[in-house]
PDB file of N, CA and C in Angstrom:
ATOM      1  N   MET A   1      -7.048   5.834  18.379  1.00  0.00           N
ATOM      2  CA  MET A   1      -5.690   6.083  17.618  1.00  0.00           C
ATOM      3  C   MET A   1      -5.911   5.934  16.551  1.00  0.00           C
ATOM      4  N   ALA A   2      -5.741   6.380  15.658  1.00  0.00           N
ATOM      5  CA  ALA A   2      -5.453   6.637  14.082  1.00  0.00           C
ATOM      6  C   ALA A   2      -4.673   5.557  13.771  1.00  0.00           C
ATOM      7  N   LYS A   3      -5.870   5.234  12.615  1.00  0.00           N
ATOM      8  CA  LYS A   3      -4.749   3.969  11.699  1.00  0.00           C
ATOM      9  C   LYS A   3      -3.970   4.612  10.761  1.00  0.00           C
ATOM     10  N   GLY A   4      -3.255   3.606   9.829  1.00  0.00           N
ATOM     11  CA  GLY A   4      -2.251   3.990   9.382  1.00  0.00           C
ATOM     12  C   GLY A   4      -2.646   3.466   8.039  1.00  0.00           C
ATOM     13  N   TYR A   5      -2.245   3.946   6.700  1.00  0.00           N
ATOM     14  CA  TYR A   5      -2.522   3.926   5.879  1.00  0.00           C
ATOM     15  C   TYR A   5      -1.034   3.769   4.775  1.00  0.00           C
ATOM     16  N   TRP A   6      -0.995   2.453   3.401  1.00  0.00           N
ATOM     17  CA  TRP A   6      -0.460   2.915   2.382  1.00  0.00           C
ATOM     18  C   TRP A   6      -1.213   3.333   1.630  1.00  0.00           C
ATOM     19  N   VAL A   7      -0.425   4.360   0.626  1.00  0.00           N
ATOM     20  CA  VAL A   7      -1.494   4.483  -0.551  1.00  0.00           C
ATOM     21  C   VAL A   7      -0.244   5.027  -2.143  1.00  0.00           C
ATOM     22  N   ALA A   8      -0.371   3.717  -2.654  1.00  0.00           N
ATOM     23  CA  ALA A   8       0.568   2.909  -3.768  1.00  0.00           C
ATOM     24  C   ALA A   8      -0.382   3.515  -4.607  1.00  0.00           C
ATOM     25  N   ARG A   9       1.008   3.521  -6.394  1.00  0.00           N
ATOM     26  CA  ARG A   9       0.669   3.330  -7.342  1.00  0.00           C
ATOM     27  C   ARG A   9       1.640   2.755  -7.850  1.00  0.00           C
ATOM     28  N   VAL A  10       1.142   1.961  -8.524  1.00  0.00           N
ATOM     29  CA  VAL A  10       2.185   1.119  -9.574  1.00  0.00           C
ATOM     30  C   VAL A  10       2.227   1.037 -10.833  1.00  0.00           C
ATOM     31  N   ASP A  11       3.154   0.915 -11.566  1.00  0.00           N
ATOM     32  CA  ASP A  11       3.085   0.470 -12.949  1.00  0.00           C
ATOM     33  C   ASP A  11       3.769  -1.048 -12.881  1.00  0.00           C
ATOM     34  N   VAL A  12       3.329  -1.712 -13.623  1.00  0.00           N
ATOM     35  CA  VAL A  12       3.782  -3.338 -13.498  1.00  0.00           C
ATOM     36  C   VAL A  12       4.490  -3.594 -14.822  1.00  0.00           C
ATOM     37  N   SER A  13       5.588  -4.131 -14.623  1.00  0.00           N
ATOM     38  CA  SER A  13       6.380  -4.248 -16.500  1.00  0.00           C
ATOM     39  C   SER A  13       6.606  -5.767 -16.665  1.00  0.00           C
ATOM     40  N   ASP A  14       6.384  -6.324 -14.858  1.00  0.00           N
ATOM     41  CA  ASP A  14       6.903  -8.357 -15.347  1.00  0.00           C
ATOM     42  C   ASP A  14       5.571  -8.895 -14.765  1.00  0.00           C
ATOM     43  N   ALA A  15       4.512  -9.034 -15.279  1.00  0.00           N
ATOM     44  CA  ALA A  15       3.066  -9.141 -14.234  1.00  0.00           C
ATOM     45  C   ALA A  15       4.060 -10.583 -13.702  1.00  0.00           C
ATOM     46  N   GLU A  16       4.598 -11.669 -14.221  1.00  0.00           N
ATOM     47  CA  GLU A  16       5.401 -12.942 -13.751  1.00  0.00           C
ATOM     48  C   GLU A  16       6.083 -12.671 -12.405  1.00  0.00           C
ATOM     49  N   ALA A  17       6.894 -11.664 -12.557  1.00  0.00           N
ATOM     50  CA  ALA A  17       8.121 -11.892 -11.647  1.00  0.00           C
ATOM     51  C   ALA A  17       7.024 -10.774 -10.313  1.00  0.00           C
ATOM     52  N   TYR A  18       5.972  -9.604 -10.923  1.00  0.00           N
ATOM     53  CA  TYR A  18       5.186  -9.449  -9.558  1.00  0.00           C
ATOM     54  C   TYR A  18       4.680 -10.218  -8.873  1.00  0.00           C
ATOM     55  N   LYS A  19       3.983 -11.696  -9.713  1.00  0.00           N
ATOM     56  CA  LYS A  19       3.324 -12.602  -8.469  1.00  0.00           C
ATOM     57  C   LYS A  19       4.317 -12.939  -7.410  1.00  0.00           C
ATOM     58  N   LYS A  20       5.553 -12.403  -8.176  1.00  0.00           N
ATOM     59  CA  LYS A  20       6.638 -13.236  -6.910  1.00  0.00           C
ATOM     60  C   LYS A  20       6.391 -11.892  -5.251  1.00  0.00           C
ATOM     61  N   TYR A  21       6.050 -10.510  -5.903  1.00  0.00           N
ATOM     62  CA  TYR A  21       5.973  -9.854  -4.549  1.00  0.00           C
ATOM     63  C   TYR A  21       5.052 -10.258  -3.974  1.00  0.00           C
ATOM     64  N   VAL A  22       3.768 -10.310  -4.524  1.00  0.00           N
ATOM     65  CA  VAL A  22       2.681 -10.097  -3.849  1.00  0.00           C
ATOM     66  C   VAL A  22       2.552 -11.909  -3.382  1.00  0.00           C
ATOM     67  N   ALA A  23       3.265 -12.647  -3.212  1.00  0.00           N
ATOM     68  CA  ALA A  23       3.472 -13.643  -2.820  1.00  0.00           C
ATOM     69  C   ALA A  23       4.561 -13.608  -1.278  1.00  0.00           C
ATOM     70  N   ALA A  24       5.125 -12.897  -1.420  1.00  0.00           N
ATOM     71  CA  ALA A  24       6.552 -12.721  -0.879  1.00  0.00           C
ATOM     72  C   ALA A  24       5.866 -11.504   0.699  1.00  0.00           C
ATOM     73  N   ASN A  25       4.931 -10.790   0.017  1.00  0.00           N
ATOM     74  CA  ASN A  25       4.749  -9.497   1.018  1.00  0.00           C
ATOM     75  C   ASN A  25       2.901 -10.275   1.791  1.00  0.00           C
ATOM     76  N   ALA A  26       2.669 -11.472   1.289  1.00  0.00           N
ATOM     77  CA  ALA A  26       1.728 -11.874   2.238  1.00  0.00           C
ATOM     78  C   ALA A  26       2.079 -11.524   3.626  1.00  0.00           C
ATOM     79  N   GLU A  27       3.151 -12.358   4.046  1.00  0.00           N
ATOM     80  CA  GLU A  27       3.008 -12.855   4.946  1.00  0.00           C
ATOM     81  C   GLU A  27       3.727 -11.689   6.629  1.00  0.00           C
ATOM     82  N   PRO A  28       4.332 -10.609   5.707  1.00  0.00           N
ATOM     83  CA  PRO A  28       4.364  -9.408   6.841  1.00  0.00           C
ATOM     84  C   PRO A  28       2.935  -8.760   7.110  1.00  0.00           C
ATOM     85  N   PHE A  29       2.035  -8.631   5.651  1.00  0.00           N
ATOM     86  CA  PHE A  29       1.101  -7.704   5.844  1.00  0.00           C
ATOM     87  C   PHE A  29       0.101  -8.578   6.912  1.00  0.00           C
ATOM     88  N   ALA A  30      -0.069  -9.685   7.280  1.00  0.00           N
ATOM     89  CA  ALA A  30      -0.687 -10.808   7.802  1.00  0.00           C
ATOM     90  C   ALA A  30       0.217 -10.068   9.405  1.00  0.00           C
ATOM     91  N   GLN A  31       1.538  -9.885   9.164  1.00  0.00           N
ATOM     92  CA  GLN A  31       1.487  -9.719  11.159  1.00  0.00           C
ATOM     93  C   GLN A  31       1.631  -8.628  11.337  1.00  0.00           C
ATOM     94  N   PHE A  32       1.389  -7.185  10.273  1.00  0.00           N
ATOM     95  CA  PHE A  32       1.246  -6.282  11.020  1.00  0.00           C
ATOM     96  C   PHE A  32      -0.401  -5.846  10.717  1.00  0.00           C
ATOM     97  N   GLY A  33      -1.293  -6.438  10.606  1.00  0.00           N
ATOM     98  CA  GLY A  33      -2.829  -6.463  10.215  1.00  0.00           C
ATOM     99  C   GLY A  33      -3.228  -5.780   9.157  1.00  0.00           C
ATOM    100  N   ALA A  34      -2.628  -5.722   8.338  1.00  0.00           N
ATOM    101  CA  ALA A  34      -2.802  -4.972   6.528  1.00  0.00           C
ATOM    102  C   ALA A  34      -4.348  -5.497   6.306  1.00  0.00           C
ATOM    103  N   ARG A  35      -4.918  -4.328   5.678  1.00  0.00           N
ATOM    104  CA  ARG A  35      -5.999  -4.981   5.047  1.00  0.00           C
ATOM    105  C   ARG A  35      -6.233  -3.965   3.484  1.00  0.00           C
ATOM    106  N   PHE A  36      -6.484  -4.640   2.682  1.00  0.00           N
ATOM    107  CA  PHE A  36      -6.709  -3.931   1.291  1.00  0.00           C
ATOM    108  C   PHE A  36      -7.958  -3.151   1.188  1.00  0.00           C
ATOM    109  N   LEU A  37      -8.172  -2.109   0.815  1.00  0.00           N
ATOM    110  CA  LEU A  37      -9.276  -0.899   0.821  1.00  0.00           C
ATOM    111  C   LEU A  37      -9.427  -0.668  -0.476  1.00  0.00           C
ATOM    112  N   VAL A  38      -8.453  -0.808  -1.285  1.00  0.00           N
ATOM    113  CA  VAL A  38      -8.248  -0.692  -2.763  1.00  0.00           C
ATOM    114  C   VAL A  38      -7.187  -1.725  -3.683  1.00  0.00           C
ATOM    115  N   ARG A  39      -7.678  -2.611  -4.341  1.00  0.00           N
ATOM    116  CA  ARG A  39      -6.412  -3.391  -4.717  1.00  0.00           C
ATOM    117  C   ARG A  39      -6.505  -3.192  -6.862  1.00  0.00           C
ATOM    118  N   ALA A  40      -6.247  -1.993  -7.362  1.00  0.00           N
ATOM    119  CA  ALA A  40      -6.202  -2.019  -8.436  1.00  0.00           C
ATOM    120  C   ALA A  40      -7.250  -2.186  -9.150  1.00  0.00           C
ATOM    121  N   GLY A  41      -8.443  -1.220  -8.685  1.00  0.00           N
ATOM    122  CA  GLY A  41      -9.630  -1.562  -9.520  1.00  0.00           C
ATOM    123  C   GLY A  41      -9.707  -0.368 -10.541  1.00  0.00           C
ATOM    124  N   GLN A  42     -11.293  -0.169 -11.012  1.00  0.00           N
ATOM    125  CA  GLN A  42     -11.283   0.626 -11.934  1.00  0.00           C
ATOM    126  C   GLN A  42     -11.137   2.054 -11.280  1.00  0.00           C
ATOM    127  N   PHE A  43     -10.553   2.898 -12.338  1.00  0.00           N
ATOM    128  CA  PHE A  43      -9.987   4.491 -11.847  1.00  0.00           C
ATOM    129  C   PHE A  43     -10.224   5.748 -12.527  1.00  0.00           C
ATOM    130  N   GLU A  44     -10.491   6.980 -12.000  1.00  0.00           N
ATOM    131  CA  GLU A  44     -10.418   7.984 -13.540  1.00  0.00           C
ATOM    132  C   GLU A  44      -9.536   8.303 -12.487  1.00  0.00           C
ATOM    133  N   ASN A  45      -8.583   9.393 -13.473  1.00  0.00           N
ATOM    134  CA  ASN A  45      -7.418  10.462 -12.759  1.00  0.00           C
ATOM    135  C   ASN A  45      -8.005  12.104 -13.716  1.00  0.00           C
ATOM    136  N   PRO A  46      -8.893  12.435 -12.770  1.00  0.00           N
ATOM    137  CA  PRO A  46      -9.501  13.830 -13.115  1.00  0.00           C
ATOM    138  C   PRO A  46      -8.076  15.192 -12.926  1.00  0.00           C
ATOM    139  N   GLU A  47      -7.435  14.477 -12.356  1.00  0.00           N
ATOM    140  CA  GLU A  47      -6.175  15.772 -12.489  1.00  0.00           C
ATOM    141  C   GLU A  47      -4.512  14.660 -11.899  1.00  0.00           C
ATOM    142  N   GLY A  48      -3.640  15.807 -12.212  1.00  0.00           N
ATOM    143  CA  GLY A  48      -2.379  15.057 -12.147  1.00  0.00           C
ATOM    144  C   GLY A  48      -2.106  13.969 -12.604  1.00  0.00           C
ATOM    145  N   THR A  49      -0.470  13.143 -12.044  1.00  0.00           N
ATOM    146  CA  THR A  49      -0.534  11.900 -12.999  1.00  0.00           C
ATOM    147  C   THR A  49      -1.019  10.913 -12.400  1.00  0.00           C
ATOM    148  N   SER A  50      -1.378   9.836 -12.973  1.00  0.00           N
ATOM    149  CA  SER A  50      -1.356   8.107 -12.268  1.00  0.00           C
ATOM    150  C   SER A  50      -0.483   7.156 -12.667  1.00  0.00           C
ATOM    151  N   ARG A  51      -0.498   6.195 -11.926  1.00  0.00           N
ATOM    152  CA  ARG A  51       0.040   5.034 -12.720  1.00  0.00           C
ATOM    153  C   ARG A  51      -1.038   3.983 -13.106  1.00  0.00           C
ATOM    154  N   SER A  52      -0.930   3.138 -13.456  1.00  0.00           N
ATOM    155  CA  SER A  52      -2.143   1.761 -13.880  1.00  0.00           C
ATOM    156  C   SER A  52      -2.662   1.171 -12.990  1.00  0.00           C
ATOM    157  N   ARG A  53      -1.728   1.599 -11.584  1.00  0.00           N
ATOM    158  CA  ARG A  53      -2.850   0.517 -10.608  1.00  0.00           C
ATOM    159  C   ARG A  53      -2.782   0.914  -9.604  1.00  0.00           C
ATOM    160  N   ASN A  54      -3.475   1.358  -8.473  1.00  0.00           N
ATOM    161  CA  ASN A  54      -3.198   2.296  -7.094  1.00  0.00           C
ATOM    162  C   ASN A  54      -4.057   1.386  -6.494  1.00  0.00           C
ATOM    163  N   VAL A  55      -3.349   1.394  -4.983  1.00  0.00           N
ATOM    164  CA  VAL A  55      -3.419   0.249  -4.164  1.00  0.00           C
ATOM    165  C   VAL A  55      -3.183   1.069  -2.578  1.00  0.00           C
ATOM    166  N   VAL A  56      -4.865   0.886  -1.839  1.00  0.00           N
ATOM    167  CA  VAL A  56      -5.170   1.931  -0.888  1.00  0.00           C
ATOM    168  C   VAL A  56      -5.121   0.451   0.345  1.00  0.00           C
ATOM    169  N   ILE A  57      -4.047   0.338   1.332  1.00  0.00           N
ATOM    170  CA  ILE A  57      -4.273  -0.718   2.344  1.00  0.00           C
ATOM    171  C   ILE A  57      -4.136  -0.394   3.941  1.00  0.00           C
ATOM    172  N   GLU A  58      -4.815  -0.307   4.589  1.00  0.00           N
ATOM    173  CA  GLU A  58      -4.919   0.061   5.962  1.00  0.00           C
ATOM    174  C   GLU A  58      -4.263  -0.934   7.371  1.00  0.00           C
ATOM    175  N   PHE A  59      -3.526  -0.248   7.887  1.00  0.00           N
ATOM    176  CA  PHE A  59      -3.159  -1.030   8.875  1.00  0.00           C
ATOM    177  C   PHE A  59      -4.454  -0.466  10.369  1.00  0.00           C
ATOM    178  N   PRO A  60      -3.934  -1.105  11.557  1.00  0.00           N
ATOM    179  CA  PRO A  60      -4.438  -0.430  12.949  1.00  0.00           C
ATOM    180  C   PRO A  60      -3.321   0.129  13.549  1.00  0.00           C
ATOM    181  N   SER A  61      -2.508   0.794  13.349  1.00  0.00           N
ATOM    182  CA  SER A  61      -2.052   2.055  13.765  1.00  0.00           C
ATOM    183  C   SER A  61      -1.295   2.224  12.565  1.00  0.00           C
ATOM    184  N   TYR A  62      -0.639   3.556  12.662  1.00  0.00           N
ATOM    185  CA  TYR A  62       0.111   4.522  11.564  1.00  0.00           C
ATOM    186  C   TYR A  62       1.831   3.841  11.945  1.00  0.00           C
ATOM    187  N   GLU A  63       1.594   3.241  13.412  1.00  0.00           N
ATOM    188  CA  GLU A  63       3.264   2.645  13.473  1.00  0.00           C
ATOM    189  C   GLU A  63       2.993   1.067  13.065  1.00  0.00           C
ATOM    190  N   ALA A  64       2.405   0.623  13.057  1.00  0.00           N
ATOM    191  CA  ALA A  64       1.936  -0.885  12.366  1.00  0.00           C
ATOM    192  C   ALA A  64       2.141  -0.207  11.136  1.00  0.00           C
ATOM    193  N   ALA A  65       1.852   0.312  10.145  1.00  0.00           N
ATOM    194  CA  ALA A  65       2.147   1.142   8.968  1.00  0.00           C
ATOM    195  C   ALA A  65       3.731   0.874   8.867  1.00  0.00           C
ATOM    196  N   LEU A  66       3.916   1.552   9.133  1.00  0.00           N
ATOM    197  CA  LEU A  66       5.100   2.070   9.474  1.00  0.00           C
ATOM    198  C   LEU A  66       6.562   0.708   9.577  1.00  0.00           C
ATOM    199  N   ALA A  67       6.197  -0.070  10.508  1.00  0.00           N
ATOM    200  CA  ALA A  67       6.723  -1.282  11.548  1.00  0.00           C
ATOM    201  C   ALA A  67       6.690  -2.223  10.310  1.00  0.00           C
ATOM    202  N   CYS A  68       5.706  -2.532   9.637  1.00  0.00           N
ATOM    203  CA  CYS A  68       5.178  -3.056   8.289  1.00  0.00           C
ATOM    204  C   CYS A  68       6.145  -2.977   7.468  1.00  0.00           C
ATOM    205  N   TYR A  69       6.292  -1.754   6.864  1.00  0.00           N
ATOM    206  CA  TYR A  69       7.354  -1.289   5.698  1.00  0.00           C
ATOM    207  C   TYR A  69       8.957  -1.674   6.106  1.00  0.00           C
ATOM    208  N   ASN A  70       9.392  -1.284   7.053  1.00  0.00           N
ATOM    209  CA  ASN A  70      10.428  -1.222   8.160  1.00  0.00           C
ATOM    210  C   ASN A  70      11.157  -3.239   8.088  1.00  0.00           C
ATOM    211  N   ALA A  71      10.217  -3.902   7.917  1.00  0.00           N
ATOM    212  CA  ALA A  71      10.254  -5.296   8.425  1.00  0.00           C
ATOM    213  C   ALA A  71      11.010  -6.081   7.639  1.00  0.00           C
ATOM    214  N   PRO A  72      11.889  -7.129   7.655  1.00  0.00           N
ATOM    215  CA  PRO A  72      12.709  -7.724   7.074  1.00  0.00           C
ATOM    216  C   PRO A  72      12.344  -8.418   6.204  1.00  0.00           C
ATOM    217  N   GLY A  73      10.999  -8.916   6.496  1.00  0.00           N
ATOM    218  CA  GLY A  73      10.388  -9.520   5.411  1.00  0.00           C
ATOM    219  C   GLY A  73       9.880  -8.725   4.150  1.00  0.00           C
ATOM    220  N   TYR A  74       9.089  -7.254   4.509  1.00  0.00           N
ATOM    221  CA  TYR A  74       8.719  -6.490   3.922  1.00  0.00           C
ATOM    222  C   TYR A  74       9.987  -5.794   2.703  1.00  0.00           C
ATOM    223  N   GLN A  75      10.960  -5.752   3.485  1.00  0.00           N
ATOM    224  CA  GLN A  75      11.911  -5.304   3.013  1.00  0.00           C
ATOM    225  C   GLN A  75      13.050  -6.420   2.048  1.00  0.00           C
ATOM    226  N   ALA A  76      12.301  -7.176   2.387  1.00  0.00           N
ATOM    227  CA  ALA A  76      13.082  -8.403   1.187  1.00  0.00           C
ATOM    228  C   ALA A  76      11.463  -8.870  -0.134  1.00  0.00           C
ATOM    229  N   ALA A  77      10.522  -8.710   0.257  1.00  0.00           N
ATOM    230  CA  ALA A  77      10.184  -8.474  -0.589  1.00  0.00           C
ATOM    231  C   ALA A  77      10.221  -7.030  -1.705  1.00  0.00           C
ATOM    232  N   ILE A  78      10.335  -5.806  -0.986  1.00  0.00           N
ATOM    233  CA  ILE A  78      10.739  -4.765  -2.284  1.00  0.00           C
ATOM    234  C   ILE A  78      11.729  -5.085  -3.080  1.00  0.00           C
ATOM    235  N   GLU A  79      12.446  -5.776  -2.978  1.00  0.00           N
ATOM    236  CA  GLU A  79      13.065  -6.055  -3.728  1.00  0.00           C
ATOM    237  C   GLU A  79      12.759  -7.124  -5.293  1.00  0.00           C
ATOM    238  N   LEU A  80      12.128  -8.131  -4.718  1.00  0.00           N
ATOM    239  CA  LEU A  80      11.085  -8.839  -5.818  1.00  0.00           C
ATOM    240  C   LEU A  80      10.495  -7.536  -6.537  1.00  0.00           C
ATOM    241  N   ARG A  81       9.481  -6.647  -5.663  1.00  0.00           N
ATOM    242  CA  ARG A  81       8.888  -5.737  -6.672  1.00  0.00           C
ATOM    243  C   ARG A  81       9.612  -4.755  -7.332  1.00  0.00           C
ATOM    244  N   ARG A  82      10.619  -4.350  -7.381  1.00  0.00           N
ATOM    245  CA  ARG A  82      11.985  -3.186  -8.011  1.00  0.00           C
ATOM    246  C   ARG A  82      12.197  -3.723  -9.327  1.00  0.00           C
ATOM    247  N   ALA A  83      12.111  -5.626  -9.333  1.00  0.00           N
ATOM    248  CA  ALA A  83      12.363  -5.954 -10.916  1.00  0.00           C
ATOM    249  C   ALA A  83      11.793  -5.748 -11.577  1.00  0.00           C
ATOM    250  N   ALA A  84      10.223  -5.897 -10.952  1.00  0.00           N
ATOM    251  CA  ALA A  84       8.509  -6.284 -12.186  1.00  0.00           C
ATOM    252  C   ALA A  84       7.305  -5.188 -11.889  1.00  0.00           C
ATOM    253  N   ALA A  85       8.190  -4.121 -11.414  1.00  0.00           N
ATOM    254  CA  ALA A  85       7.504  -2.699 -11.131  1.00  0.00           C
ATOM    255  C   ALA A  85       7.922  -1.577 -10.494  1.00  0.00           C
ATOM    256  N   GLU A  86       7.886  -0.407 -10.915  1.00  0.00           N
ATOM    257  CA  GLU A  86       7.965   1.037 -10.646  1.00  0.00           C
ATOM    258  C   GLU A  86       6.968   1.642  -9.983  1.00  0.00           C
ATOM    259  N   SER A  87       6.883   1.908  -8.540  1.00  0.00           N
ATOM    260  CA  SER A  87       6.416   2.539  -7.430  1.00  0.00           C
ATOM    261  C   SER A  87       6.211   3.672  -7.138  1.00  0.00           C
ATOM    262  N   ASP A  88       4.898   4.183  -6.788  1.00  0.00           N
ATOM    263  CA  ASP A  88       5.422   5.419  -5.511  1.00  0.00           C
ATOM    264  C   ASP A  88       4.524   4.810  -4.399  1.00  0.00           C
ATOM    265  N   LEU A  89       4.780   5.470  -2.720  1.00  0.00           N
ATOM    266  CA  LEU A  89       4.284   4.687  -2.112  1.00  0.00           C
ATOM    267  C   LEU A  89       4.427   6.075  -0.931  1.00  0.00           C
ATOM    268  N   VAL A  90       3.259   5.880  -0.257  1.00  0.00           N
ATOM    269  CA  VAL A  90       3.168   6.933   0.618  1.00  0.00           C
ATOM    270  C   VAL A  90       2.550   6.324   1.875  1.00  0.00           C
ATOM    271  N   ILE A  91       3.174   6.454   3.127  1.00  0.00           N
ATOM    272  CA  ILE A  91       2.247   6.142   4.211  1.00  0.00           C
ATOM    273  C   ILE A  91       2.115   7.334   5.185  1.00  0.00           C
ATOM    274  N   VAL A  92       0.465   7.011   5.472  1.00  0.00           N
ATOM    275  CA  VAL A  92       0.512   8.445   6.309  1.00  0.00           C
ATOM    276  C   VAL A  92      -0.875   7.514   7.399  1.00  0.00           C
ATOM    277  N   GLU A  93      -0.878   8.589   8.263  1.00  0.00           N
ATOM    278  CA  GLU A  93      -1.410   8.218   9.621  1.00  0.00           C
ATOM    279  C   GLU A  93      -2.978   8.912   9.100  1.00  0.00           C
ATOM    280  N   GLY A  94      -3.772   7.994   9.598  1.00  0.00           N
ATOM    281  CA  GLY A  94      -5.323   8.036   9.203  1.00  0.00           C
ATOM    282  C   GLY A  94      -5.490   9.422  10.055  1.00  0.00           C
ATOM    283  N   TYR A  95      -7.229   9.693   9.669  1.00  0.00           N
ATOM    284  CA  TYR A  95      -8.210  11.493  10.594  1.00  0.00           C
ATOM    285  C   TYR A  95      -9.227  10.437  11.538  1.00  0.00           C
ATOM    286  N   ASP A  96      -8.933  11.090  12.617  1.00  0.00           N
ATOM    287  CA  ASP A  96     -10.280  10.802  13.906  1.00  0.00           C
ATOM    288  C   ASP A  96     -11.124  11.668  14.217  1.00  0.00           C
ATOM    289  N   GLY A  97     -10.804  12.667  13.150  1.00  0.00           N
ATOM    290  CA  GLY A  97     -11.290  14.381  13.739  1.00  0.00           C
ATOM    291  C   GLY A  97     -13.544  14.280  13.317  1.00  0.00           C
ATOM    292  N   PRO A  98     -13.452  15.760  13.321  1.00  0.00           N
ATOM    293  CA  PRO A  98     -14.881  16.079  12.304  1.00  0.00           C
ATOM    294  C   PRO A  98     -14.813  15.637  11.325  1.00  0.00           C
ATOM    295  N   GLN A  99     -15.961  15.205  11.004  1.00  0.00           N
ATOM    296  CA  GLN A  99     -16.173  15.099   9.644  1.00  0.00           C
ATOM    297  C   GLN A  99     -17.509  16.115   9.084  1.00  0.00           C
ATOM    298  N   PRO A 100     -17.443  16.599   7.433  1.00  0.00           N
ATOM    299  CA  PRO A 100     -18.200  17.580   7.174  1.00  0.00           C
ATOM    300  C   PRO A 100     -19.520  17.261   7.926  1.00  0.00           C
ATOM    301  N   GLY A 101     -20.320  18.205   8.356  1.00  0.00           N
ATOM    302  CA  GLY A 101     -21.379  17.969   8.349  1.00  0.00           C
ATOM    303  C   GLY A 101     -21.492  17.605  10.249  1.00  0.00           C
ATOM    304  N   GLU A 102     -20.852  17.321  10.625  1.00  0.00           N
ATOM    305  CA  GLU A 102     -20.791  16.693  12.121  1.00  0.00           C
ATOM    306  C   GLU A 102     -20.583  18.241  12.713  1.00  0.00           C
ATOM    307  N   SER A 103     -21.193  17.533  13.972  1.00  0.00           N
ATOM    308  CA  SER A 103     -21.327  19.327  15.044  1.00  0.00           C
ATOM    309  C   SER A 103     -19.565  18.886  16.016  1.00  0.00           C
TER     310      SER A 103
END
């Protein structure tokens, strides 16, 4: 089964208020098996547009990624985030097929 991913780009406008969002999302993330792969590290933006923070979160499945987003606990966290940041989020299914150089 392919994993699921959240790919987010975020501009935080109120760091103190954003901390409340981070605290509120911990429970739904744990409930749905979320694992941070990228969390606001150093980056280059050679093409297109960007925001100041980039986040990639892995879930055990695409279904878990969708369920987490739609869970009441995460929906409550979103309201905290909206007051503190602007963001873009894509929920995408992982790829389990052949890789370059593999037969």
